[in-house]
């Protein structure tokens, strides 16, 4: 699979990324821009999207009954060298499935997530999946 994203600077306060037919505002202002995601927030958003997409992929295979999903992600950045030192997440599923089946769903998210498996080796990444 190949992916393509183009990003460009709009001005000293905002940049944008273009992918398919979508534009996303990027906070590239050194003082911060409350109307856009900064790069670290984009990484966390990509991780949460990966988790939700992974759930969507395996729900039909596992015949897992699901009413909704919420992912909460928090990251801690270290300054020297600059990197995400740790990421903690909670995946909250609205389901009547057993705890064992929820654990199975979580295992699939961790095993088959592209972004998850890209981030995990270089970051202290940990979290849990729980019932709503």
N, C-alpha and C. Protein backbone atom coordinates (compact mmCIF):
# COMPACT_ATOMS: atom_id res chain seq x y z
N UNK A 1 0.84 -1.19 0.00
CA UNK A 1 0.00 0.00 0.00
C UNK A 1 0.88 1.24 0.00
N UNK A 2 0.45 2.23 -0.72
CA UNK A 2 1.15 3.51 -0.76
C UNK A 2 0.22 4.60 -0.25
N UNK A 3 0.79 5.59 0.41
CA UNK A 3 0.02 6.71 0.93
C UNK A 3 0.67 7.99 0.45
N UNK A 4 -0.12 9.03 0.28
CA UNK A 4 0.41 10.30 -0.22
C UNK A 4 -0.28 11.45 0.51
N UNK A 5 0.52 12.32 1.10
CA UNK A 5 0.03 13.53 1.78
C UNK A 5 0.94 14.67 1.34
N UNK A 6 0.35 15.81 1.08
CA UNK A 6 1.12 17.02 0.78
C UNK A 6 0.80 18.05 1.84
N UNK A 7 1.83 18.71 2.35
CA UNK A 7 1.64 19.75 3.36
C UNK A 7 2.32 21.02 2.88
N UNK A 8 1.69 22.15 3.24
CA UNK A 8 2.26 23.43 2.83
C UNK A 8 2.02 24.48 3.90
N UNK A 9 2.94 25.42 3.97
CA UNK A 9 2.86 26.54 4.90
C UNK A 9 1.88 27.57 4.32
N UNK A 10 0.92 27.99 5.15
CA UNK A 10 0.01 29.06 4.76
C UNK A 10 0.62 30.40 5.18
N UNK A 11 1.03 30.48 6.44
CA UNK A 11 1.69 31.67 6.97
C UNK A 11 2.42 31.26 8.25
N UNK A 12 2.88 32.21 9.03
CA UNK A 12 3.65 31.90 10.24
C UNK A 12 2.79 31.24 11.33
N UNK A 13 1.48 31.16 11.14
CA UNK A 13 0.58 30.64 12.15
C UNK A 13 -0.07 29.31 11.78
N UNK A 14 -0.07 28.99 10.49
CA UNK A 14 -0.86 27.85 10.04
C UNK A 14 -0.25 27.22 8.79
N UNK A 15 -0.31 25.90 8.76
CA UNK A 15 0.01 25.14 7.56
C UNK A 15 -1.17 24.22 7.30
N UNK A 16 -1.12 23.49 6.21
CA UNK A 16 -2.20 22.55 5.95
C UNK A 16 -1.66 21.31 5.26
N UNK A 17 -2.32 20.20 5.53
CA UNK A 17 -2.03 18.96 4.84
C UNK A 17 -3.21 18.61 3.98
N UNK A 18 -2.90 18.10 2.80
CA UNK A 18 -3.93 17.68 1.86
C UNK A 18 -3.76 16.20 1.56
N UNK A 19 -4.88 15.49 1.64
CA UNK A 19 -4.89 14.06 1.34
C UNK A 19 -6.26 13.72 0.78
N UNK A 20 -6.27 13.09 -0.36
CA UNK A 20 -7.53 12.79 -1.06
C UNK A 20 -8.28 14.10 -1.25
N UNK A 21 -9.48 14.23 -0.72
CA UNK A 21 -10.23 15.49 -0.88
C UNK A 21 -10.35 16.26 0.43
N UNK A 22 -9.44 16.00 1.37
CA UNK A 22 -9.53 16.59 2.70
C UNK A 22 -8.34 17.51 2.96
N UNK A 23 -8.61 18.62 3.63
CA UNK A 23 -7.57 19.54 4.10
C UNK A 23 -7.65 19.57 5.62
N UNK A 24 -6.48 19.46 6.25
CA UNK A 24 -6.41 19.52 7.71
C UNK A 24 -5.49 20.66 8.08
N UNK A 25 -5.97 21.54 8.95
CA UNK A 25 -5.14 22.64 9.43
C UNK A 25 -4.09 22.13 10.41
N UNK A 26 -2.87 22.65 10.27
CA UNK A 26 -1.76 22.24 11.12
C UNK A 26 -1.25 23.42 11.94
N UNK A 27 -1.09 23.21 13.22
CA UNK A 27 -0.52 24.23 14.10
C UNK A 27 0.99 24.19 13.95
N UNK A 28 1.52 25.11 13.15
CA UNK A 28 2.97 25.22 12.98
C UNK A 28 3.47 26.56 13.50
N UNK A 29 2.64 27.24 14.28
CA UNK A 29 2.98 28.52 14.89
C UNK A 29 3.84 28.25 16.13
N UNK A 30 4.98 28.90 16.24
CA UNK A 30 5.85 28.68 17.39
C UNK A 30 5.17 29.04 18.72
N UNK A 31 4.17 29.92 18.68
CA UNK A 31 3.43 30.28 19.89
C UNK A 31 2.22 29.37 20.11
N UNK A 32 1.93 28.52 19.13
CA UNK A 32 0.77 27.64 19.23
C UNK A 32 -0.43 28.23 18.54
N UNK A 33 -1.28 27.38 18.01
CA UNK A 33 -2.50 27.79 17.33
C UNK A 33 -3.63 26.91 17.84
N UNK A 34 -4.56 27.49 18.59
CA UNK A 34 -5.63 26.69 19.18
C UNK A 34 -6.65 26.16 18.16
N UNK A 35 -6.53 26.61 16.92
CA UNK A 35 -7.49 26.19 15.90
C UNK A 35 -6.98 25.07 15.00
N UNK A 36 -5.88 24.43 15.39
CA UNK A 36 -5.32 23.36 14.57
C UNK A 36 -4.56 22.37 15.45
N UNK A 37 -4.36 21.17 14.92
CA UNK A 37 -3.56 20.16 15.62
C UNK A 37 -2.09 20.46 15.43
N UNK A 38 -1.29 20.37 16.52
CA UNK A 38 0.15 20.47 16.36
C UNK A 38 0.68 19.08 15.98
N UNK A 39 1.96 18.98 15.59
CA UNK A 39 2.46 17.67 15.14
C UNK A 39 2.30 16.55 16.16
N UNK A 40 2.54 16.81 17.44
CA UNK A 40 2.39 15.76 18.45
C UNK A 40 0.92 15.32 18.57
N UNK A 41 0.01 16.29 18.50
CA UNK A 41 -1.42 15.95 18.56
C UNK A 41 -1.84 15.15 17.34
N UNK A 42 -1.27 15.48 16.18
CA UNK A 42 -1.55 14.69 14.97
C UNK A 42 -1.10 13.25 15.13
N UNK A 43 0.06 13.06 15.75
CA UNK A 43 0.54 11.70 16.00
C UNK A 43 -0.44 10.95 16.89
N UNK A 44 -0.92 11.59 17.95
CA UNK A 44 -1.87 10.94 18.84
C UNK A 44 -3.20 10.68 18.13
N UNK A 45 -3.62 11.62 17.28
CA UNK A 45 -4.85 11.42 16.51
C UNK A 45 -4.69 10.26 15.53
N UNK A 46 -3.51 10.17 14.89
CA UNK A 46 -3.26 9.06 13.97
C UNK A 46 -3.30 7.73 14.71
N UNK A 47 -2.74 7.69 15.90
CA UNK A 47 -2.76 6.47 16.70
C UNK A 47 -4.19 6.09 17.06
N UNK A 48 -4.99 7.06 17.49
CA UNK A 48 -6.38 6.76 17.85
C UNK A 48 -7.19 6.34 16.62
N UNK A 49 -6.96 6.97 15.49
CA UNK A 49 -7.66 6.58 14.25
C UNK A 49 -7.27 5.16 13.85
N UNK A 50 -5.99 4.82 14.02
CA UNK A 50 -5.51 3.47 13.73
C UNK A 50 -6.25 2.45 14.59
N UNK A 51 -6.42 2.77 15.85
CA UNK A 51 -7.11 1.85 16.76
C UNK A 51 -8.57 1.66 16.35
N UNK A 52 -9.25 2.75 16.04
CA UNK A 52 -10.66 2.66 15.64
C UNK A 52 -10.79 1.91 14.31
N UNK A 53 -9.90 2.20 13.36
CA UNK A 53 -9.95 1.51 12.07
C UNK A 53 -9.67 0.02 12.26
N UNK A 54 -8.73 -0.32 13.13
CA UNK A 54 -8.46 -1.72 13.42
C UNK A 54 -9.67 -2.42 14.01
N UNK A 55 -10.38 -1.73 14.87
CA UNK A 55 -11.61 -2.29 15.44
C UNK A 55 -12.63 -2.52 14.34
N UNK A 56 -12.81 -1.53 13.47
CA UNK A 56 -13.76 -1.67 12.36
C UNK A 56 -13.39 -2.86 11.47
N UNK A 57 -12.10 -3.10 11.31
CA UNK A 57 -11.63 -4.19 10.45
C UNK A 57 -11.96 -5.56 11.06
N UNK A 58 -11.77 -5.72 12.38
CA UNK A 58 -11.93 -7.06 12.96
C UNK A 58 -13.30 -7.35 13.54
N UNK A 59 -14.11 -6.33 13.76
CA UNK A 59 -15.45 -6.55 14.32
C UNK A 59 -16.25 -7.56 13.49
N UNK A 60 -16.29 -7.43 12.15
CA UNK A 60 -17.06 -8.44 11.39
C UNK A 60 -16.43 -9.84 11.45
N UNK A 61 -15.11 -9.91 11.48
CA UNK A 61 -14.43 -11.20 11.52
C UNK A 61 -14.72 -11.91 12.84
N UNK A 62 -14.66 -11.16 13.94
CA UNK A 62 -14.90 -11.74 15.27
C UNK A 62 -16.38 -11.84 15.61
N UNK A 63 -17.23 -11.28 14.73
CA UNK A 63 -18.67 -11.20 15.02
C UNK A 63 -18.90 -10.54 16.38
N UNK A 64 -18.17 -9.44 16.57
CA UNK A 64 -18.18 -8.68 17.82
C UNK A 64 -19.29 -7.64 17.74
N UNK A 65 -20.21 -7.66 18.68
CA UNK A 65 -21.32 -6.70 18.70
C UNK A 65 -20.85 -5.42 19.37
N UNK A 66 -21.01 -4.31 18.68
CA UNK A 66 -20.44 -3.05 19.13
C UNK A 66 -21.41 -1.91 18.81
N UNK A 67 -21.65 -1.04 19.79
CA UNK A 67 -22.50 0.13 19.56
C UNK A 67 -21.68 1.40 19.37
N UNK A 68 -20.46 1.43 19.91
CA UNK A 68 -19.64 2.63 19.79
C UNK A 68 -18.25 2.42 20.35
N UNK A 69 -17.34 3.33 19.98
CA UNK A 69 -15.96 3.28 20.44
C UNK A 69 -15.48 4.71 20.71
N UNK A 70 -14.74 4.89 21.78
CA UNK A 70 -14.09 6.15 22.09
C UNK A 70 -12.65 5.84 22.46
N UNK A 71 -11.71 6.61 21.92
CA UNK A 71 -10.30 6.42 22.24
C UNK A 71 -9.78 7.71 22.88
N UNK A 72 -9.15 7.57 24.02
CA UNK A 72 -8.57 8.70 24.75
C UNK A 72 -7.06 8.46 24.79
N UNK A 73 -6.28 9.42 24.29
CA UNK A 73 -4.83 9.25 24.19
C UNK A 73 -4.14 10.45 24.83
N UNK A 74 -3.15 10.17 25.66
CA UNK A 74 -2.33 11.22 26.28
C UNK A 74 -0.86 10.90 26.01
N UNK A 75 -0.12 11.92 25.60
CA UNK A 75 1.30 11.74 25.34
C UNK A 75 2.14 12.67 26.19
N UNK A 76 3.33 12.20 26.56
CA UNK A 76 4.29 13.01 27.30
C UNK A 76 5.51 13.19 26.41
N UNK A 77 5.84 14.44 26.13
CA UNK A 77 6.98 14.76 25.27
C UNK A 77 8.18 15.08 26.13
N UNK A 78 9.33 14.53 25.76
CA UNK A 78 10.57 14.91 26.42
C UNK A 78 11.29 15.90 25.51
N UNK A 79 12.08 16.78 26.13
CA UNK A 79 12.76 17.83 25.37
C UNK A 79 14.07 17.39 24.72
N UNK A 80 14.89 16.61 25.45
CA UNK A 80 16.21 16.27 24.93
C UNK A 80 16.41 14.76 24.99
N UNK A 81 16.56 14.07 23.89
CA UNK A 81 16.22 14.57 22.57
C UNK A 81 14.71 14.68 22.44
N UNK A 82 14.21 15.56 21.58
CA UNK A 82 12.77 15.73 21.46
C UNK A 82 12.11 14.48 20.88
N UNK A 83 11.17 13.93 21.66
CA UNK A 83 10.41 12.76 21.23
C UNK A 83 9.24 12.54 22.18
N UNK A 84 8.33 11.71 21.76
CA UNK A 84 7.27 11.28 22.66
C UNK A 84 7.87 10.25 23.61
N UNK A 85 7.96 10.58 24.86
CA UNK A 85 8.54 9.69 25.85
C UNK A 85 7.58 8.56 26.19
N UNK A 86 6.31 8.91 26.35
CA UNK A 86 5.32 7.88 26.68
C UNK A 86 3.96 8.28 26.13
N UNK A 87 3.18 7.26 25.81
CA UNK A 87 1.81 7.45 25.35
C UNK A 87 0.94 6.46 26.12
N UNK A 88 -0.13 6.98 26.69
CA UNK A 88 -1.10 6.15 27.41
C UNK A 88 -2.45 6.31 26.72
N UNK A 89 -3.19 5.21 26.63
CA UNK A 89 -4.48 5.27 25.97
C UNK A 89 -5.52 4.43 26.70
N UNK A 90 -6.77 4.81 26.46
CA UNK A 90 -7.92 4.03 26.89
C UNK A 90 -8.82 3.88 25.68
N UNK A 91 -9.21 2.67 25.39
CA UNK A 91 -10.20 2.41 24.35
C UNK A 91 -11.47 1.99 25.09
N UNK A 92 -12.51 2.77 24.91
CA UNK A 92 -13.77 2.52 25.61
C UNK A 92 -14.78 2.00 24.58
N UNK A 93 -15.22 0.77 24.77
CA UNK A 93 -16.15 0.16 23.82
C UNK A 93 -17.53 0.02 24.47
N UNK A 94 -18.53 0.40 23.72
CA UNK A 94 -19.92 0.24 24.16
C UNK A 94 -20.40 -1.09 23.61
N UNK A 95 -20.41 -2.10 24.46
CA UNK A 95 -20.73 -3.46 24.04
C UNK A 95 -21.26 -4.27 25.21
N UNK A 96 -21.92 -5.36 24.88
CA UNK A 96 -22.35 -6.33 25.88
C UNK A 96 -21.50 -7.60 25.82
N UNK A 97 -20.43 -7.58 25.02
CA UNK A 97 -19.53 -8.73 24.89
C UNK A 97 -18.83 -9.02 26.22
N UNK A 98 -18.33 -10.24 26.37
CA UNK A 98 -17.64 -10.64 27.60
C UNK A 98 -16.28 -9.94 27.70
N UNK A 99 -15.73 -9.93 28.91
CA UNK A 99 -14.40 -9.36 29.11
C UNK A 99 -13.36 -10.09 28.26
N UNK A 100 -13.49 -11.40 28.12
CA UNK A 100 -12.56 -12.17 27.31
C UNK A 100 -12.60 -11.72 25.85
N UNK A 101 -13.79 -11.43 25.34
CA UNK A 101 -13.93 -10.97 23.95
C UNK A 101 -13.39 -9.55 23.80
N UNK A 102 -13.55 -8.72 24.83
CA UNK A 102 -12.97 -7.37 24.79
C UNK A 102 -11.45 -7.46 24.76
N UNK A 103 -10.87 -8.37 25.54
CA UNK A 103 -9.43 -8.58 25.52
C UNK A 103 -8.97 -9.07 24.14
N UNK A 104 -9.74 -9.93 23.52
CA UNK A 104 -9.41 -10.42 22.18
C UNK A 104 -9.42 -9.28 21.17
N UNK A 105 -10.41 -8.40 21.27
CA UNK A 105 -10.47 -7.24 20.38
C UNK A 105 -9.26 -6.35 20.59
N UNK A 106 -8.89 -6.10 21.84
CA UNK A 106 -7.72 -5.28 22.15
C UNK A 106 -6.44 -5.93 21.59
N UNK A 107 -6.30 -7.23 21.73
CA UNK A 107 -5.13 -7.93 21.19
C UNK A 107 -5.02 -7.72 19.68
N UNK A 108 -6.15 -7.75 18.99
CA UNK A 108 -6.15 -7.54 17.54
C UNK A 108 -5.75 -6.12 17.18
N UNK A 109 -6.20 -5.14 17.95
CA UNK A 109 -5.83 -3.74 17.73
C UNK A 109 -4.31 -3.59 17.83
N UNK A 110 -3.72 -4.19 18.85
CA UNK A 110 -2.28 -4.09 19.07
C UNK A 110 -1.49 -4.87 18.02
N UNK A 111 -1.99 -5.99 17.61
CA UNK A 111 -1.25 -6.86 16.69
C UNK A 111 -1.26 -6.36 15.26
N UNK A 112 -2.37 -5.78 14.81
CA UNK A 112 -2.53 -5.47 13.40
C UNK A 112 -2.58 -3.98 13.06
N UNK A 113 -2.33 -3.10 14.03
CA UNK A 113 -2.39 -1.67 13.77
C UNK A 113 -1.10 -1.14 13.16
N UNK A 114 -1.18 -0.58 11.98
CA UNK A 114 0.01 -0.05 11.30
C UNK A 114 0.66 1.07 12.10
N UNK A 115 -0.11 2.06 12.50
CA UNK A 115 0.45 3.18 13.26
C UNK A 115 0.87 2.69 14.64
N UNK A 116 0.04 1.87 15.26
CA UNK A 116 0.38 1.31 16.58
C UNK A 116 1.75 0.64 16.53
N UNK A 117 1.96 -0.22 15.54
CA UNK A 117 3.21 -0.97 15.44
C UNK A 117 4.38 -0.13 14.95
N UNK A 118 4.12 1.03 14.41
CA UNK A 118 5.19 1.96 14.04
C UNK A 118 5.64 2.74 15.27
N UNK A 119 4.69 3.15 16.10
CA UNK A 119 4.98 3.96 17.29
C UNK A 119 5.54 3.11 18.43
N UNK A 120 5.02 1.91 18.62
CA UNK A 120 5.33 1.09 19.79
C UNK A 120 6.82 0.84 20.02
N UNK A 121 7.62 0.51 19.01
CA UNK A 121 9.03 0.19 19.29
C UNK A 121 9.85 1.36 19.85
N UNK A 122 9.48 2.59 19.52
CA UNK A 122 10.28 3.73 19.96
C UNK A 122 9.66 4.54 21.08
N UNK A 123 8.56 4.06 21.62
CA UNK A 123 7.82 4.83 22.63
C UNK A 123 7.32 3.89 23.72
N UNK A 124 7.25 4.38 24.92
CA UNK A 124 6.63 3.63 26.01
C UNK A 124 5.12 3.75 25.81
N UNK A 125 4.55 2.80 25.07
CA UNK A 125 3.15 2.82 24.68
C UNK A 125 2.38 1.76 25.46
N UNK A 126 1.36 2.20 26.17
CA UNK A 126 0.57 1.25 26.97
C UNK A 126 -0.85 1.77 27.13
N UNK A 127 -1.76 0.84 27.29
CA UNK A 127 -3.14 1.24 27.49
C UNK A 127 -4.02 0.04 27.73
N UNK A 128 -5.31 0.32 27.78
CA UNK A 128 -6.29 -0.71 28.07
C UNK A 128 -7.55 -0.47 27.27
N UNK A 129 -8.29 -1.55 27.07
CA UNK A 129 -9.61 -1.46 26.47
C UNK A 129 -10.60 -1.84 27.56
N UNK A 130 -11.65 -1.03 27.67
CA UNK A 130 -12.65 -1.32 28.71
C UNK A 130 -14.05 -1.06 28.19
N UNK A 131 -14.99 -1.57 28.91
CA UNK A 131 -16.39 -1.42 28.58
C UNK A 131 -16.88 -0.02 28.96
N UNK A 132 -17.75 0.54 28.17
CA UNK A 132 -18.32 1.88 28.47
C UNK A 132 -19.18 1.80 29.72
